[in-house]
C-alpha cells in the first residue's frame, strides 16, 4: 500500500510507504491515479523499479501458492521439473537468511 499526499485541488503531490502526519489516504500500487502520477513525475528507471517491486510481490505469492499446493498434496514437489525444484530451494535458502524484502517507494523515489 502507498499513502498519498494531495494538494488543495485533490491532485497527488507525493507518495509515501508509511502514513505521515496528515497523510493517511491509502492507495494500491496498481491504481490508475498512482500510475498517472508516476507517468508525469517519475523517471522511467523508477517506474521499472516499481514494476520490479510488484514482480517481487507476485513471486512471493507464487512461492506461497506452490507451498500450499504441496502441503495439500495437490502437486508433488518431486514431480516439478528439476530446474523448478532448484529455483524453489534457492529462494527458500535466501528467505531463511532474513534478507530484507521491504523495498519501499521511498527507497526508489
C-alpha atoms as a PDB file:
ATOM      1  CA  UNK A   1       0.000   0.000   0.000  1.00  0.00           C
ATOM      2  CA  UNK A   2       1.007   3.567  -0.615  1.00  0.00           C
ATOM      3  CA  UNK A   3      -0.019   6.679   1.258  1.00  0.00           C
ATOM      4  CA  UNK A   4      -0.760   9.643  -0.982  1.00  0.00           C
ATOM      5  CA  UNK A   5      -0.494  13.330  -0.245  1.00  0.00           C
ATOM      6  CA  UNK A   6      -2.746  15.695  -2.157  1.00  0.00           C
ATOM      7  CA  UNK A   7      -2.782  19.403  -2.929  1.00  0.00           C
ATOM      8  CA  UNK A   8      -5.770  21.714  -2.431  1.00  0.00           C
ATOM      9  CA  UNK A   9      -7.199  20.670  -5.817  1.00  0.00           C
ATOM     10  CA  UNK A  10      -7.047  16.982  -4.857  1.00  0.00           C
ATOM     11  CA  UNK A  11      -4.139  16.051  -7.112  1.00  0.00           C
ATOM     12  CA  UNK A  12      -1.464  13.695  -5.829  1.00  0.00           C
ATOM     13  CA  UNK A  13       1.714  15.596  -4.990  1.00  0.00           C
ATOM     14  CA  UNK A  14       3.660  12.907  -3.091  1.00  0.00           C
ATOM     15  CA  UNK A  15       3.636   9.222  -2.157  1.00  0.00           C
ATOM     16  CA  UNK A  16       4.922   7.543   0.989  1.00  0.00           C
ATOM     17  CA  UNK A  17       5.337   3.950   2.111  1.00  0.00           C
ATOM     18  CA  UNK A  18       4.165   4.775   5.660  1.00  0.00           C
ATOM     19  CA  UNK A  19       1.463   7.096   6.992  1.00  0.00           C
ATOM     20  CA  UNK A  20       2.743  10.626   7.556  1.00  0.00           C
ATOM     21  CA  UNK A  21       1.263  13.443   9.624  1.00  0.00           C
ATOM     22  CA  UNK A  22      -1.908  14.444   7.777  1.00  0.00           C
ATOM     23  CA  UNK A  23      -1.248  11.798   5.090  1.00  0.00           C
ATOM     24  CA  UNK A  24      -3.393   8.742   5.680  1.00  0.00           C
ATOM     25  CA  UNK A  25      -5.086   8.030   2.355  1.00  0.00           C
ATOM     26  CA  UNK A  26      -4.124   4.540   1.198  1.00  0.00           C
ATOM     27  CA  UNK A  27      -3.844   3.515  -2.428  1.00  0.00           C
ATOM     28  CA  UNK A  28      -2.817   0.287  -4.112  1.00  0.00           C
ATOM     29  CA  UNK A  29       0.342   0.381  -6.217  1.00  0.00           C
ATOM     30  CA  UNK A  30      -1.671  -0.701  -9.244  1.00  0.00           C
ATOM     31  CA  UNK A  31      -4.132   2.181  -9.290  1.00  0.00           C
ATOM     32  CA  UNK A  32      -4.865   4.396 -12.305  1.00  0.00           C
ATOM     33  CA  UNK A  33      -4.340   7.578 -10.322  1.00  0.00           C
ATOM     34  CA  UNK A  34      -0.988   6.336  -8.967  1.00  0.00           C
ATOM     35  CA  UNK A  35       0.133   5.245 -12.434  1.00  0.00           C
ATOM     36  CA  UNK A  36      -0.849   8.644 -13.903  1.00  0.00           C
ATOM     37  CA  UNK A  37       1.130  10.423 -11.176  1.00  0.00           C
ATOM     38  CA  UNK A  38       4.170   8.221 -11.811  1.00  0.00           C
ATOM     39  CA  UNK A  39       3.984   8.767 -15.568  1.00  0.00           C
ATOM     40  CA  UNK A  40       4.016  12.537 -15.036  1.00  0.00           C
ATOM     41  CA  UNK A  41       6.597  12.832 -12.267  1.00  0.00           C
ATOM     42  CA  UNK A  42       8.853   9.790 -12.065  1.00  0.00           C
ATOM     43  CA  UNK A  43      11.642   8.680 -14.356  1.00  0.00           C
ATOM     44  CA  UNK A  44      11.379   5.534 -16.447  1.00  0.00           C
ATOM     45  CA  UNK A  45      14.020   3.894 -14.235  1.00  0.00           C
ATOM     46  CA  UNK A  46      11.917   4.467 -11.127  1.00  0.00           C
ATOM     47  CA  UNK A  47       8.856   3.040 -12.869  1.00  0.00           C
ATOM     48  CA  UNK A  48      10.916  -0.034 -13.751  1.00  0.00           C
ATOM     49  CA  UNK A  49      11.853  -0.384 -10.089  1.00  0.00           C
ATOM     50  CA  UNK A  50       8.194  -0.148  -9.083  1.00  0.00           C
ATOM     51  CA  UNK A  51       7.390  -2.849 -11.601  1.00  0.00           C
ATOM     52  CA  UNK A  52      10.184  -4.961 -10.121  1.00  0.00           C
ATOM     53  CA  UNK A  53       8.673  -4.419  -6.667  1.00  0.00           C
ATOM     54  CA  UNK A  54       5.349  -5.626  -7.979  1.00  0.00           C
ATOM     55  CA  UNK A  55       7.113  -8.624  -9.530  1.00  0.00           C
ATOM     56  CA  UNK A  56       8.670  -9.441  -6.151  1.00  0.00           C
ATOM     57  CA  UNK A  57       5.226  -9.498  -4.590  1.00  0.00           C
ATOM     58  CA  UNK A  58       3.916 -11.789  -7.308  1.00  0.00           C
ATOM     59  CA  UNK A  59       6.932 -14.073  -6.934  1.00  0.00           C
ATOM     60  CA  UNK A  60       6.327 -14.345  -3.202  1.00  0.00           C
ATOM     61  CA  UNK A  61       2.649 -15.050  -3.863  1.00  0.00           C
ATOM     62  CA  UNK A  62       3.588 -17.836  -6.283  1.00  0.00           C
ATOM     63  CA  UNK A  63       6.045 -19.303  -3.787  1.00  0.00           C
ATOM     64  CA  UNK A  64       3.354 -19.366  -1.122  1.00  0.00           C
ATOM     65  CA  UNK A  65       0.866 -20.863  -3.585  1.00  0.00           C
ATOM     66  CA  UNK A  66       3.312 -23.632  -4.547  1.00  0.00           C
ATOM     67  CA  UNK A  67       3.944 -24.384  -0.856  1.00  0.00           C
ATOM     68  CA  UNK A  68       0.202 -24.544  -0.200  1.00  0.00           C
ATOM     69  CA  UNK A  69      -0.429 -26.846  -3.161  1.00  0.00           C
ATOM     70  CA  UNK A  70       2.359 -29.141  -1.964  1.00  0.00           C
ATOM     71  CA  UNK A  71       1.057 -29.175   1.624  1.00  0.00           C
ATOM     72  CA  UNK A  72      -2.444 -30.056   0.405  1.00  0.00           C
ATOM     73  CA  UNK A  73      -0.993 -32.826  -1.793  1.00  0.00           C
ATOM     74  CA  UNK A  74      -2.415 -31.234  -4.910  1.00  0.00           C
ATOM     75  CA  UNK A  75       1.003 -31.231  -6.519  1.00  0.00           C
ATOM     76  CA  UNK A  76       4.063 -33.264  -5.604  1.00  0.00           C
ATOM     77  CA  UNK A  77       7.330 -31.350  -5.203  1.00  0.00           C
ATOM     78  CA  UNK A  78       9.323 -34.151  -6.819  1.00  0.00           C
ATOM     79  CA  UNK A  79       7.116 -34.006  -9.915  1.00  0.00           C
ATOM     80  CA  UNK A  80       8.195 -30.442 -10.604  1.00  0.00           C
ATOM     81  CA  UNK A  81      10.950 -30.074 -13.194  1.00  0.00           C
ATOM     82  CA  UNK A  82      14.423 -30.291 -11.681  1.00  0.00           C
ATOM     83  CA  UNK A  83      15.182 -26.656 -12.561  1.00  0.00           C
ATOM     84  CA  UNK A  84      11.990 -25.523 -10.818  1.00  0.00           C
ATOM     85  CA  UNK A  85      12.943 -27.514  -7.715  1.00  0.00           C
ATOM     86  CA  UNK A  86      16.393 -25.888  -7.694  1.00  0.00           C
ATOM     87  CA  UNK A  87      14.935 -22.398  -8.011  1.00  0.00           C
ATOM     88  CA  UNK A  88      12.438 -23.050  -5.228  1.00  0.00           C
ATOM     89  CA  UNK A  89      15.216 -24.325  -2.960  1.00  0.00           C
ATOM     90  CA  UNK A  90      17.420 -21.317  -3.754  1.00  0.00           C
ATOM     91  CA  UNK A  91      14.597 -18.919  -2.895  1.00  0.00           C
ATOM     92  CA  UNK A  92      13.850 -20.758   0.351  1.00  0.00           C
ATOM     93  CA  UNK A  93      17.509 -20.579   1.380  1.00  0.00           C
ATOM     94  CA  UNK A  94      17.652 -16.873   0.574  1.00  0.00           C
ATOM     95  CA  UNK A  95      14.490 -16.175   2.558  1.00  0.00           C
ATOM     96  CA  UNK A  96      15.875 -18.099   5.518  1.00  0.00           C
ATOM     97  CA  UNK A  97      18.863 -15.727   5.653  1.00  0.00           C
ATOM     98  CA  UNK A  98      16.357 -12.995   6.500  1.00  0.00           C
ATOM     99  CA  UNK A  99      17.303 -10.708   3.653  1.00  0.00           C
ATOM    100  CA  UNK A 100      15.120  -7.599   3.953  1.00  0.00           C
ATOM    101  CA  UNK A 101      12.263  -7.864   1.482  1.00  0.00           C
ATOM    102  CA  UNK A 102      10.812  -4.474   2.155  1.00  0.00           C
ATOM    103  CA  UNK A 103      11.929  -2.153  -0.595  1.00  0.00           C
ATOM    104  CA  UNK A 104       9.564   0.761  -0.475  1.00  0.00           C
ATOM    105  CA  UNK A 105       8.534   3.575  -2.748  1.00  0.00           C
ATOM    106  CA  UNK A 106      10.509   5.960  -0.518  1.00  0.00           C
ATOM    107  CA  UNK A 107      13.659   3.915  -1.288  1.00  0.00           C
ATOM    108  CA  UNK A 108      13.045   4.314  -5.015  1.00  0.00           C
ATOM    109  CA  UNK A 109      11.815   7.893  -5.450  1.00  0.00           C
END
